[in-house]
Amino acid sequence: MDSFPQPVGSSTPSCGGCCTRLLHVGVTLGGIPILEDINLHVHCGELTVLIGPNGAGKTTLFRAMLGEVPYSGRLQFIHAGQQRRQSKPRIGYVPQKLELDPDSPMLVLDLFAGARARRPLWLGYPAALRQETLAALAAVEATNLIDRRLGRLSGGELQRVLLALALTPPPELLLLDEPVAGVDLAGIEMFYRIVSHLRHRLDLSIFLVSHDLAAAARVADRMILLNRTIIGDGPPAQVLADPRVKQWFGFEPAALGSRAVSAPAACLTCQKEGGA
């Protein structure tokens, strides 16, 4: 599969080249500390998996990165060839499984039309919309779903549609919040295969929350263990060997098998900026 869209007249992807740094980030909601002193650097081209027990603050961290909750500290975005800046890059987001009315008449094409509408939908869809939507769905092997009702999609099908939507237009940072929760094994394997391809195909930062530790470890460059603050950060095999992982998840590191995992080299953007 090699169908991720590229800009016209270019042989390289239009996204990528953006790293994300969180410096002493904290979130307090209703007087209760949710996150404290979060310091991390997500490199462009790196797939980072975030794990932790329920209530650890994983979704809250995503909400802070999306600007949906107030936070202390700094979010810093570094773009290739540019100075550090505070403004957000283009962020794609795939939420946890959505509960949809199975009797809703909304089609997958309608979802894309609503997301991209520049005029009232009752005036009709732009002529190019169907082909643009098919191109987006092709990237996630889902062109056959364009005329399907959203409420009739399987869990895996819906998540692939939401992934295609998150990639339109191509983002610089992709956040995936437990994207395979409730998805069957075949759907999980397909989703992670597509995401892994995306990581290799585009110079794109991907930040993934998952409770499926073994599956996530197979595609991750790096894993972060979070419980209100970062308590583990490194290659998956190293982080999953932490005894707290077994305590919280009942996970045995032997489930990883013999897969060799090493930390990725610093990305080109970091090298150009002189960072690590």
C-alpha atoms as a PDB file:
ATOM      1  CA  MET A   1       0.000   0.000   0.000  1.00  0.00           C
ATOM      2  CA  ASP A   2       1.448   3.375  -1.001  1.00  0.00           C
ATOM      3  CA  SER A   3      -1.535   5.617  -1.496  1.00  0.00           C
ATOM      4  CA  PHE A   4      -1.019   8.504   0.913  1.00  0.00           C
ATOM      5  CA  PRO A   5      -1.643  11.702  -1.048  1.00  0.00           C
ATOM      6  CA  GLN A   6       1.164  14.055  -1.972  1.00  0.00           C
ATOM      7  CA  PRO A   7       0.882  17.663  -3.130  1.00  0.00           C
ATOM      8  CA  VAL A   8       0.619  18.213  -6.864  1.00  0.00           C
ATOM      9  CA  GLY A   9       4.002  18.650  -8.486  1.00  0.00           C
ATOM     10  CA  SER A  10       5.975  17.360  -5.495  1.00  0.00           C
ATOM     11  CA  SER A  11       7.673  14.062  -4.775  1.00  0.00           C
ATOM     12  CA  THR A  12       7.676  14.615  -1.026  1.00  0.00           C
ATOM     13  CA  PRO A  13       4.770  14.753   1.442  1.00  0.00           C
ATOM     14  CA  SER A  14       3.318  18.130   2.380  1.00  0.00           C
ATOM     15  CA  CYS A  15       3.205  17.320   6.092  1.00  0.00           C
ATOM     16  CA  GLY A  16       6.011  16.450   8.465  1.00  0.00           C
ATOM     17  CA  GLY A  17       9.043  18.372   9.615  1.00  0.00           C
ATOM     18  CA  CYS A  18       7.382  19.329  12.885  1.00  0.00           C
ATOM     19  CA  CYS A  19       8.503  18.260  16.342  1.00  0.00           C
ATOM     20  CA  THR A  20       6.552  18.813  19.547  1.00  0.00           C
ATOM     21  CA  ARG A  21       8.037  19.680  22.924  1.00  0.00           C
ATOM     22  CA  LEU A  22       6.168  19.865  26.206  1.00  0.00           C
ATOM     23  CA  LEU A  23       8.023  21.811  28.870  1.00  0.00           C
ATOM     24  CA  HIS A  24       6.840  21.531  32.495  1.00  0.00           C
ATOM     25  CA  VAL A  25       3.235  21.158  31.353  1.00  0.00           C
ATOM     26  CA  GLY A  26       0.610  20.773  34.064  1.00  0.00           C
ATOM     27  CA  VAL A  27      -3.181  20.638  34.066  1.00  0.00           C
ATOM     28  CA  THR A  28      -5.435  21.350  37.051  1.00  0.00           C
ATOM     29  CA  LEU A  29      -9.199  21.005  36.654  1.00  0.00           C
ATOM     30  CA  GLY A  30     -11.641  21.961  39.387  1.00  0.00           C
ATOM     31  CA  GLY A  31      -8.753  22.427  41.784  1.00  0.00           C
ATOM     32  CA  ILE A  32      -7.556  18.841  41.219  1.00  0.00           C
ATOM     33  CA  PRO A  33      -4.102  18.274  39.656  1.00  0.00           C
ATOM     34  CA  ILE A  34      -4.507  15.981  36.633  1.00  0.00           C
ATOM     35  CA  LEU A  35      -1.041  16.324  35.099  1.00  0.00           C
ATOM     36  CA  GLU A  36       2.154  17.557  36.717  1.00  0.00           C
ATOM     37  CA  ASP A  37       5.515  18.596  35.242  1.00  0.00           C
ATOM     38  CA  ILE A  38       5.200  16.831  31.877  1.00  0.00           C
ATOM     39  CA  ASN A  39       8.438  17.112  29.906  1.00  0.00           C
ATOM     40  CA  LEU A  40       8.774  15.283  26.600  1.00  0.00           C
ATOM     41  CA  HIS A  41       9.837  15.707  23.002  1.00  0.00           C
ATOM     42  CA  VAL A  42       7.933  13.960  20.217  1.00  0.00           C
ATOM     43  CA  HIS A  43      10.177  13.840  17.154  1.00  0.00           C
ATOM     44  CA  CYS A  44       8.829  14.164  13.632  1.00  0.00           C
ATOM     45  CA  GLY A  45       8.591  10.780  12.000  1.00  0.00           C
ATOM     46  CA  GLU A  46       8.342   9.108  15.418  1.00  0.00           C
ATOM     47  CA  LEU A  47       5.455   6.942  16.604  1.00  0.00           C
ATOM     48  CA  THR A  48       5.153   7.379  20.361  1.00  0.00           C
ATOM     49  CA  VAL A  49       2.756   5.209  22.386  1.00  0.00           C
ATOM     50  CA  LEU A  50       1.373   6.590  25.658  1.00  0.00           C
ATOM     51  CA  ILE A  51       0.283   4.051  28.285  1.00  0.00           C
ATOM     52  CA  GLY A  52      -0.907   4.306  31.868  1.00  0.00           C
ATOM     53  CA  PRO A  53      -3.699   3.223  34.215  1.00  0.00           C
ATOM     54  CA  ASN A  54      -7.215   4.637  34.026  1.00  0.00           C
ATOM     55  CA  GLY A  55      -7.233   8.197  35.347  1.00  0.00           C
ATOM     56  CA  ALA A  56      -3.546   8.705  34.550  1.00  0.00           C
ATOM     57  CA  GLY A  57      -4.273  11.819  32.469  1.00  0.00           C
ATOM     58  CA  LYS A  58      -3.658  10.432  28.979  1.00  0.00           C
ATOM     59  CA  THR A  59      -6.725  11.948  27.314  1.00  0.00           C
ATOM     60  CA  THR A  60      -6.234  15.174  29.292  1.00  0.00           C
ATOM     61  CA  LEU A  61      -2.729  15.451  27.833  1.00  0.00           C
ATOM     62  CA  PHE A  62      -4.208  15.215  24.339  1.00  0.00           C
ATOM     63  CA  ARG A  63      -6.838  17.822  25.235  1.00  0.00           C
ATOM     64  CA  ALA A  64      -4.079  20.179  26.375  1.00  0.00           C
ATOM     65  CA  MET A  65      -2.204  19.656  23.107  1.00  0.00           C
ATOM     66  CA  LEU A  66      -5.427  20.392  21.215  1.00  0.00           C
ATOM     67  CA  GLY A  67      -5.956  23.578  23.250  1.00  0.00           C
ATOM     68  CA  GLU A  68      -9.191  22.307  24.803  1.00  0.00           C
ATOM     69  CA  VAL A  69      -8.123  22.680  28.451  1.00  0.00           C
ATOM     70  CA  PRO A  70      -5.986  25.329  30.169  1.00  0.00           C
ATOM     71  CA  TYR A  71      -2.471  24.278  31.115  1.00  0.00           C
ATOM     72  CA  SER A  72       0.659  25.638  32.723  1.00  0.00           C
ATOM     73  CA  GLY A  73       4.104  25.318  31.181  1.00  0.00           C
ATOM     74  CA  ARG A  74       4.823  25.505  27.466  1.00  0.00           C
ATOM     75  CA  LEU A  75       3.912  23.638  24.308  1.00  0.00           C
ATOM     76  CA  GLN A  76       6.629  24.262  21.741  1.00  0.00           C
ATOM     77  CA  PHE A  77       6.407  23.327  18.070  1.00  0.00           C
ATOM     78  CA  ILE A  78       9.561  23.253  15.963  1.00  0.00           C
ATOM     79  CA  HIS A  79       9.313  23.356  12.183  1.00  0.00           C
ATOM     80  CA  ALA A  80      12.074  22.532   9.732  1.00  0.00           C
ATOM     81  CA  GLY A  81      13.770  25.702   8.529  1.00  0.00           C
ATOM     82  CA  GLN A  82      11.821  27.911  10.944  1.00  0.00           C
ATOM     83  CA  GLN A  83      12.312  29.340  14.387  1.00  0.00           C
ATOM     84  CA  ARG A  84      10.594  27.746  17.374  1.00  0.00           C
ATOM     85  CA  ARG A  85       7.032  28.963  17.606  1.00  0.00           C
ATOM     86  CA  GLN A  86       4.147  28.750  20.038  1.00  0.00           C
ATOM     87  CA  SER A  87       1.346  28.461  17.460  1.00  0.00           C
ATOM     88  CA  LYS A  88      -0.159  25.043  16.910  1.00  0.00           C
ATOM     89  CA  PRO A  89       0.660  23.009  13.814  1.00  0.00           C
ATOM     90  CA  ARG A  90      -2.045  21.243  11.859  1.00  0.00           C
ATOM     91  CA  ILE A  91      -3.228  18.510  14.224  1.00  0.00           C
ATOM     92  CA  GLY A  92      -5.200  15.443  13.185  1.00  0.00           C
ATOM     93  CA  TYR A  93      -7.179  13.690  15.918  1.00  0.00           C
ATOM     94  CA  VAL A  94      -8.880  10.291  16.074  1.00  0.00           C
ATOM     95  CA  PRO A  95     -11.005   9.897  19.240  1.00  0.00           C
ATOM     96  CA  GLN A  96     -12.016   6.789  21.106  1.00  0.00           C
ATOM     97  CA  LYS A  97     -14.836   4.771  19.594  1.00  0.00           C
ATOM     98  CA  LEU A  98     -17.889   6.907  18.855  1.00  0.00           C
ATOM     99  CA  GLU A  99     -21.389   5.678  19.617  1.00  0.00           C
ATOM    100  CA  LEU A 100     -23.534   6.392  16.563  1.00  0.00           C
ATOM    101  CA  ASP A 101     -27.224   5.873  15.895  1.00  0.00           C
ATOM    102  CA  PRO A 102     -27.392   2.833  13.571  1.00  0.00           C
ATOM    103  CA  ASP A 103     -30.531   4.294  11.974  1.00  0.00           C
ATOM    104  CA  SER A 104     -28.938   7.637  11.107  1.00  0.00           C
ATOM    105  CA  PRO A 105     -29.030   8.270   7.344  1.00  0.00           C
ATOM    106  CA  MET A 106     -25.644  10.050   7.375  1.00  0.00           C
ATOM    107  CA  LEU A 107     -23.178   8.524   4.918  1.00  0.00           C
ATOM    108  CA  VAL A 108     -19.394   8.531   5.044  1.00  0.00           C
ATOM    109  CA  LEU A 109     -19.435  11.007   2.148  1.00  0.00           C
ATOM    110  CA  ASP A 110     -21.737  13.267   4.189  1.00  0.00           C
ATOM    111  CA  LEU A 111     -19.220  13.243   7.055  1.00  0.00           C
ATOM    112  CA  PHE A 112     -16.429  14.470   4.782  1.00  0.00           C
ATOM    113  CA  ALA A 113     -18.741  17.021   3.183  1.00  0.00           C
ATOM    114  CA  GLY A 114     -19.704  18.438   6.574  1.00  0.00           C
ATOM    115  CA  ALA A 115     -16.087  18.624   7.716  1.00  0.00           C
ATOM    116  CA  ARG A 116     -14.970  20.463   4.586  1.00  0.00           C
ATOM    117  CA  ALA A 117     -18.067  22.530   3.836  1.00  0.00           C
ATOM    118  CA  ARG A 118     -17.575  26.151   2.860  1.00  0.00           C
ATOM    119  CA  ARG A 119     -21.235  26.600   2.017  1.00  0.00           C
ATOM    120  CA  PRO A 120     -24.565  25.167   3.259  1.00  0.00           C
ATOM    121  CA  LEU A 121     -24.790  21.463   2.415  1.00  0.00           C
ATOM    122  CA  TRP A 122     -28.336  21.828   1.082  1.00  0.00           C
ATOM    123  CA  LEU A 123     -26.832  23.711  -1.864  1.00  0.00           C
ATOM    124  CA  GLY A 124     -25.187  20.473  -2.934  1.00  0.00           C
ATOM    125  CA  TYR A 125     -21.667  19.075  -2.769  1.00  0.00           C
ATOM    126  CA  PRO A 126     -18.776  20.528  -4.786  1.00  0.00           C
ATOM    127  CA  ALA A 127     -18.126  18.494  -7.922  1.00  0.00           C
ATOM    128  CA  ALA A 128     -14.671  17.399  -6.764  1.00  0.00           C
ATOM    129  CA  LEU A 129     -15.754  16.289  -3.286  1.00  0.00           C
ATOM    130  CA  ARG A 130     -16.415  12.650  -4.145  1.00  0.00           C
ATOM    131  CA  GLN A 131     -13.031  12.150  -5.795  1.00  0.00           C
ATOM    132  CA  GLU A 132     -11.243  13.947  -2.951  1.00  0.00           C
ATOM    133  CA  THR A 133     -13.043  11.759  -0.413  1.00  0.00           C
ATOM    134  CA  LEU A 134     -12.182   8.609  -2.358  1.00  0.00           C
ATOM    135  CA  ALA A 135      -8.522   9.658  -2.379  1.00  0.00           C
ATOM    136  CA  ALA A 136      -8.585  10.156   1.392  1.00  0.00           C
ATOM    137  CA  LEU A 137     -10.303   6.806   1.967  1.00  0.00           C
ATOM    138  CA  ALA A 138      -7.835   5.052  -0.347  1.00  0.00           C
ATOM    139  CA  ALA A 139      -5.065   5.946   2.096  1.00  0.00           C
ATOM    140  CA  VAL A 140      -6.784   3.790   4.742  1.00  0.00           C
ATOM    141  CA  GLU A 141      -8.044   1.062   2.389  1.00  0.00           C
ATOM    142  CA  ALA A 142     -11.662   2.162   2.742  1.00  0.00           C
ATOM    143  CA  THR A 143     -12.895   3.406  -0.646  1.00  0.00           C
ATOM    144  CA  ASN A 144     -15.688   0.816  -0.508  1.00  0.00           C
ATOM    145  CA  LEU A 145     -17.186   2.641   2.494  1.00  0.00           C
ATOM    146  CA  ILE A 146     -17.898   6.000   0.846  1.00  0.00           C
ATOM    147  CA  ASP A 147     -21.644   5.360   0.417  1.00  0.00           C
ATOM    148  CA  ARG A 148     -22.137   3.386   3.633  1.00  0.00           C
ATOM    149  CA  ARG A 149     -24.122   4.702   6.595  1.00  0.00           C
ATOM    150  CA  LEU A 150     -21.864   5.739   9.467  1.00  0.00           C
ATOM    151  CA  GLY A 151     -24.024   3.951  12.029  1.00  0.00           C
ATOM    152  CA  ARG A 152     -23.746   0.662  10.136  1.00  0.00           C
ATOM    153  CA  LEU A 153     -19.946   0.551  10.034  1.00  0.00           C
ATOM    154  CA  SER A 154     -18.025  -1.939  12.142  1.00  0.00           C
ATOM    155  CA  GLY A 155     -15.726  -0.559  14.823  1.00  0.00           C
ATOM    156  CA  GLY A 156     -12.642  -1.024  12.661  1.00  0.00           C
ATOM    157  CA  GLU A 157     -14.291   0.501   9.601  1.00  0.00           C
ATOM    158  CA  LEU A 158     -15.395   3.579  11.532  1.00  0.00           C
ATOM    159  CA  GLN A 159     -11.932   4.136  12.984  1.00  0.00           C
ATOM    160  CA  ARG A 160     -10.355   3.942   9.536  1.00  0.00           C
ATOM    161  CA  VAL A 161     -12.874   6.494   8.258  1.00  0.00           C
ATOM    162  CA  LEU A 162     -12.043   8.799  11.189  1.00  0.00           C
ATOM    163  CA  LEU A 163      -8.335   8.302  10.469  1.00  0.00           C
ATOM    164  CA  ALA A 164      -8.881   9.294   6.836  1.00  0.00           C
ATOM    165  CA  LEU A 165     -10.747  12.404   8.018  1.00  0.00           C
ATOM    166  CA  ALA A 166      -7.915  13.261  10.428  1.00  0.00           C
ATOM    167  CA  LEU A 167      -5.480  13.106   7.499  1.00  0.00           C
ATOM    168  CA  THR A 168      -7.523  15.611   5.456  1.00  0.00           C
ATOM    169  CA  PRO A 169      -5.701  17.925   4.980  1.00  0.00           C
ATOM    170  CA  PRO A 170      -2.417  16.198   5.919  1.00  0.00           C
ATOM    171  CA  PRO A 171      -1.537  17.174   9.512  1.00  0.00           C
ATOM    172  CA  GLU A 172       1.868  17.755  11.043  1.00  0.00           C
ATOM    173  CA  LEU A 173       0.928  16.001  14.288  1.00  0.00           C
ATOM    174  CA  LEU A 174      -1.477  13.057  14.580  1.00  0.00           C
ATOM    175  CA  LEU A 175      -3.121  12.187  17.917  1.00  0.00           C
ATOM    176  CA  LEU A 176      -4.790   8.761  18.245  1.00  0.00           C
ATOM    177  CA  ASP A 177      -6.751   8.273  21.487  1.00  0.00           C
ATOM    178  CA  GLU A 178      -7.353   4.533  21.989  1.00  0.00           C
ATOM    179  CA  PRO A 179      -8.332   4.213  18.330  1.00  0.00           C
ATOM    180  CA  VAL A 180      -8.839   0.431  18.419  1.00  0.00           C
ATOM    181  CA  ALA A 181     -10.917   0.169  21.607  1.00  0.00           C
ATOM    182  CA  GLY A 182     -13.756  -2.258  20.902  1.00  0.00           C
ATOM    183  CA  VAL A 183     -12.343  -3.246  17.498  1.00  0.00           C
ATOM    184  CA  ASP A 184     -11.951  -6.931  16.590  1.00  0.00           C
ATOM    185  CA  LEU A 185      -8.533  -8.532  16.081  1.00  0.00           C
ATOM    186  CA  ALA A 186      -8.584  -8.246  12.285  1.00  0.00           C
ATOM    187  CA  GLY A 187      -9.552  -4.580  12.530  1.00  0.00           C
ATOM    188  CA  ILE A 188      -6.795  -3.913  15.071  1.00  0.00           C
ATOM    189  CA  GLU A 189      -4.156  -5.505  12.855  1.00  0.00           C
ATOM    190  CA  MET A 190      -5.320  -3.550   9.799  1.00  0.00           C
ATOM    191  CA  PHE A 191      -5.433  -0.235  11.687  1.00  0.00           C
ATOM    192  CA  TYR A 192      -1.936  -0.627  13.104  1.00  0.00           C
ATOM    193  CA  ARG A 193      -0.570  -1.756   9.734  1.00  0.00           C
ATOM    194  CA  ILE A 194      -1.942   1.409   8.141  1.00  0.00           C
ATOM    195  CA  VAL A 195      -0.631   3.622  10.956  1.00  0.00           C
ATOM    196  CA  SER A 196       2.788   1.959  10.753  1.00  0.00           C
ATOM    197  CA  HIS A 197       2.863   2.612   7.015  1.00  0.00           C
ATOM    198  CA  LEU A 198       1.885   6.220   7.663  1.00  0.00           C
ATOM    199  CA  ARG A 199       4.790   6.604  10.076  1.00  0.00           C
ATOM    200  CA  HIS A 200       7.231   5.309   7.451  1.00  0.00           C
ATOM    201  CA  ARG A 201       5.632   7.088   4.494  1.00  0.00           C
ATOM    202  CA  LEU A 202       5.325  10.562   6.014  1.00  0.00           C
ATOM    203  CA  ASP A 203       7.682  12.551   8.211  1.00  0.00           C
ATOM    204  CA  LEU A 204       4.894  12.894  10.763  1.00  0.00           C
ATOM    205  CA  SER A 205       4.743  12.904  14.553  1.00  0.00           C
ATOM    206  CA  ILE A 206       2.240  10.306  15.789  1.00  0.00           C
ATOM    207  CA  PHE A 207       1.131  10.139  19.428  1.00  0.00           C
ATOM    208  CA  LEU A 208      -0.969   7.082  20.272  1.00  0.00           C
ATOM    209  CA  VAL A 209      -2.822   6.142  23.479  1.00  0.00           C
ATOM    210  CA  SER A 210      -3.417   2.401  23.765  1.00  0.00           C
ATOM    211  CA  HIS A 211      -4.290  -0.300  26.289  1.00  0.00           C
ATOM    212  CA  ASP A 212      -3.379  -3.028  23.781  1.00  0.00           C
ATOM    213  CA  LEU A 213       0.243  -3.068  24.866  1.00  0.00           C
ATOM    214  CA  ALA A 214       1.574  -5.941  22.765  1.00  0.00           C
ATOM    215  CA  ALA A 215       0.016  -4.679  19.516  1.00  0.00           C
ATOM    216  CA  ALA A 216       1.089  -1.086  20.154  1.00  0.00           C
ATOM    217  CA  ALA A 217       4.633  -2.158  21.005  1.00  0.00           C
ATOM    218  CA  ARG A 218       4.969  -3.825  17.612  1.00  0.00           C
ATOM    219  CA  VAL A 219       4.591  -0.486  15.806  1.00  0.00           C
ATOM    220  CA  ALA A 220       6.029   1.934  18.389  1.00  0.00           C
ATOM    221  CA  ASP A 221       9.402   3.616  18.194  1.00  0.00           C
ATOM    222  CA  ARG A 222       9.024   4.742  21.763  1.00  0.00           C
ATOM    223  CA  MET A 223       6.717   4.214  24.726  1.00  0.00           C
ATOM    224  CA  ILE A 224       5.865   6.563  27.599  1.00  0.00           C
ATOM    225  CA  LEU A 225       4.445   5.379  30.924  1.00  0.00           C
ATOM    226  CA  LEU A 226       2.230   8.068  32.450  1.00  0.00           C
ATOM    227  CA  ASN A 227       0.517   8.373  35.809  1.00  0.00           C
ATOM    228  CA  ARG A 228      -0.141  12.089  36.245  1.00  0.00           C
ATOM    229  CA  THR A 229       3.540  12.599  35.423  1.00  0.00           C
ATOM    230  CA  ILE A 230       5.981  10.710  33.211  1.00  0.00           C
ATOM    231  CA  ILE A 231       7.434   7.746  35.096  1.00  0.00           C
ATOM    232  CA  GLY A 232       8.922   5.828  32.182  1.00  0.00           C
ATOM    233  CA  ASP A 233      10.178   6.773  28.711  1.00  0.00           C
ATOM    234  CA  GLY A 234      12.127   4.669  26.243  1.00  0.00           C
ATOM    235  CA  PRO A 235      11.995   1.732  23.833  1.00  0.00           C
ATOM    236  CA  PRO A 236       8.851  -0.412  24.316  1.00  0.00           C
ATOM    237  CA  ALA A 237      10.699  -3.446  25.688  1.00  0.00           C
ATOM    238  CA  GLN A 238      12.354  -1.270  28.335  1.00  0.00           C
ATOM    239  CA  VAL A 239       9.180   0.517  29.436  1.00  0.00           C
ATOM    240  CA  LEU A 240       7.063  -2.643  29.478  1.00  0.00           C
ATOM    241  CA  ALA A 241       9.596  -4.302  31.790  1.00  0.00           C
ATOM    242  CA  ASP A 242       8.660  -1.792  34.525  1.00  0.00           C
ATOM    243  CA  PRO A 243       6.963  -3.795  37.323  1.00  0.00           C
ATOM    244  CA  ARG A 244       4.170  -1.220  37.492  1.00  0.00           C
ATOM    245  CA  VAL A 245       3.071  -2.266  33.999  1.00  0.00           C
ATOM    246  CA  LYS A 246       2.402  -5.797  35.257  1.00  0.00           C
ATOM    247  CA  GLN A 247       0.660  -4.386  38.333  1.00  0.00           C
ATOM    248  CA  TRP A 248      -1.659  -2.115  36.332  1.00  0.00           C
ATOM    249  CA  PHE A 249      -2.229  -4.182  33.197  1.00  0.00           C
ATOM    250  CA  GLY A 250      -1.247  -7.753  34.099  1.00  0.00           C
ATOM    251  CA  PHE A 251       1.136  -7.585  31.137  1.00  0.00           C
ATOM    252  CA  GLU A 252       4.160  -9.874  30.897  1.00  0.00           C
ATOM    253  CA  PRO A 253       7.115  -8.527  28.857  1.00  0.00           C
ATOM    254  CA  ALA A 254       7.526 -12.025  27.393  1.00  0.00           C
ATOM    255  CA  ALA A 255       4.434 -11.273  25.276  1.00  0.00           C
ATOM    256  CA  LEU A 256       6.683  -9.123  23.082  1.00  0.00           C
ATOM    257  CA  GLY A 257       8.655 -12.182  21.976  1.00  0.00           C
ATOM    258  CA  SER A 258      12.113 -11.552  20.565  1.00  0.00           C
ATOM    259  CA  ARG A 259      11.356  -8.291  18.753  1.00  0.00           C
ATOM    260  CA  ALA A 260      14.377  -6.028  18.984  1.00  0.00           C
ATOM    261  CA  VAL A 261      13.464  -2.457  19.819  1.00  0.00           C
ATOM    262  CA  SER A 262      15.789   0.511  19.763  1.00  0.00           C
ATOM    263  CA  ALA A 263      15.241   4.209  20.156  1.00  0.00           C
ATOM    264  CA  PRO A 264      15.011   6.087  16.828  1.00  0.00           C
ATOM    265  CA  ALA A 265      17.684   8.499  15.737  1.00  0.00           C
ATOM    266  CA  ALA A 266      16.994  12.197  16.114  1.00  0.00           C
ATOM    267  CA  CYS A 267      14.895  13.538  13.256  1.00  0.00           C
ATOM    268  CA  LEU A 268      16.166  15.923  10.604  1.00  0.00           C
ATOM    269  CA  THR A 269      14.229  18.849  12.055  1.00  0.00           C
ATOM    270  CA  CYS A 270      15.929  18.372  15.429  1.00  0.00           C
ATOM    271  CA  GLN A 271      19.344  18.141  13.774  1.00  0.00           C
ATOM    272  CA  LYS A 272      18.709  21.350  11.820  1.00  0.00           C
ATOM    273  CA  GLU A 273      17.504  23.144  14.956  1.00  0.00           C
ATOM    274  CA  GLY A 274      20.362  21.794  17.058  1.00  0.00           C
ATOM    275  CA  GLY A 275      17.964  20.058  19.455  1.00  0.00           C
ATOM    276  CA  ALA A 276      17.622  16.503  20.668  1.00  0.00           C
END
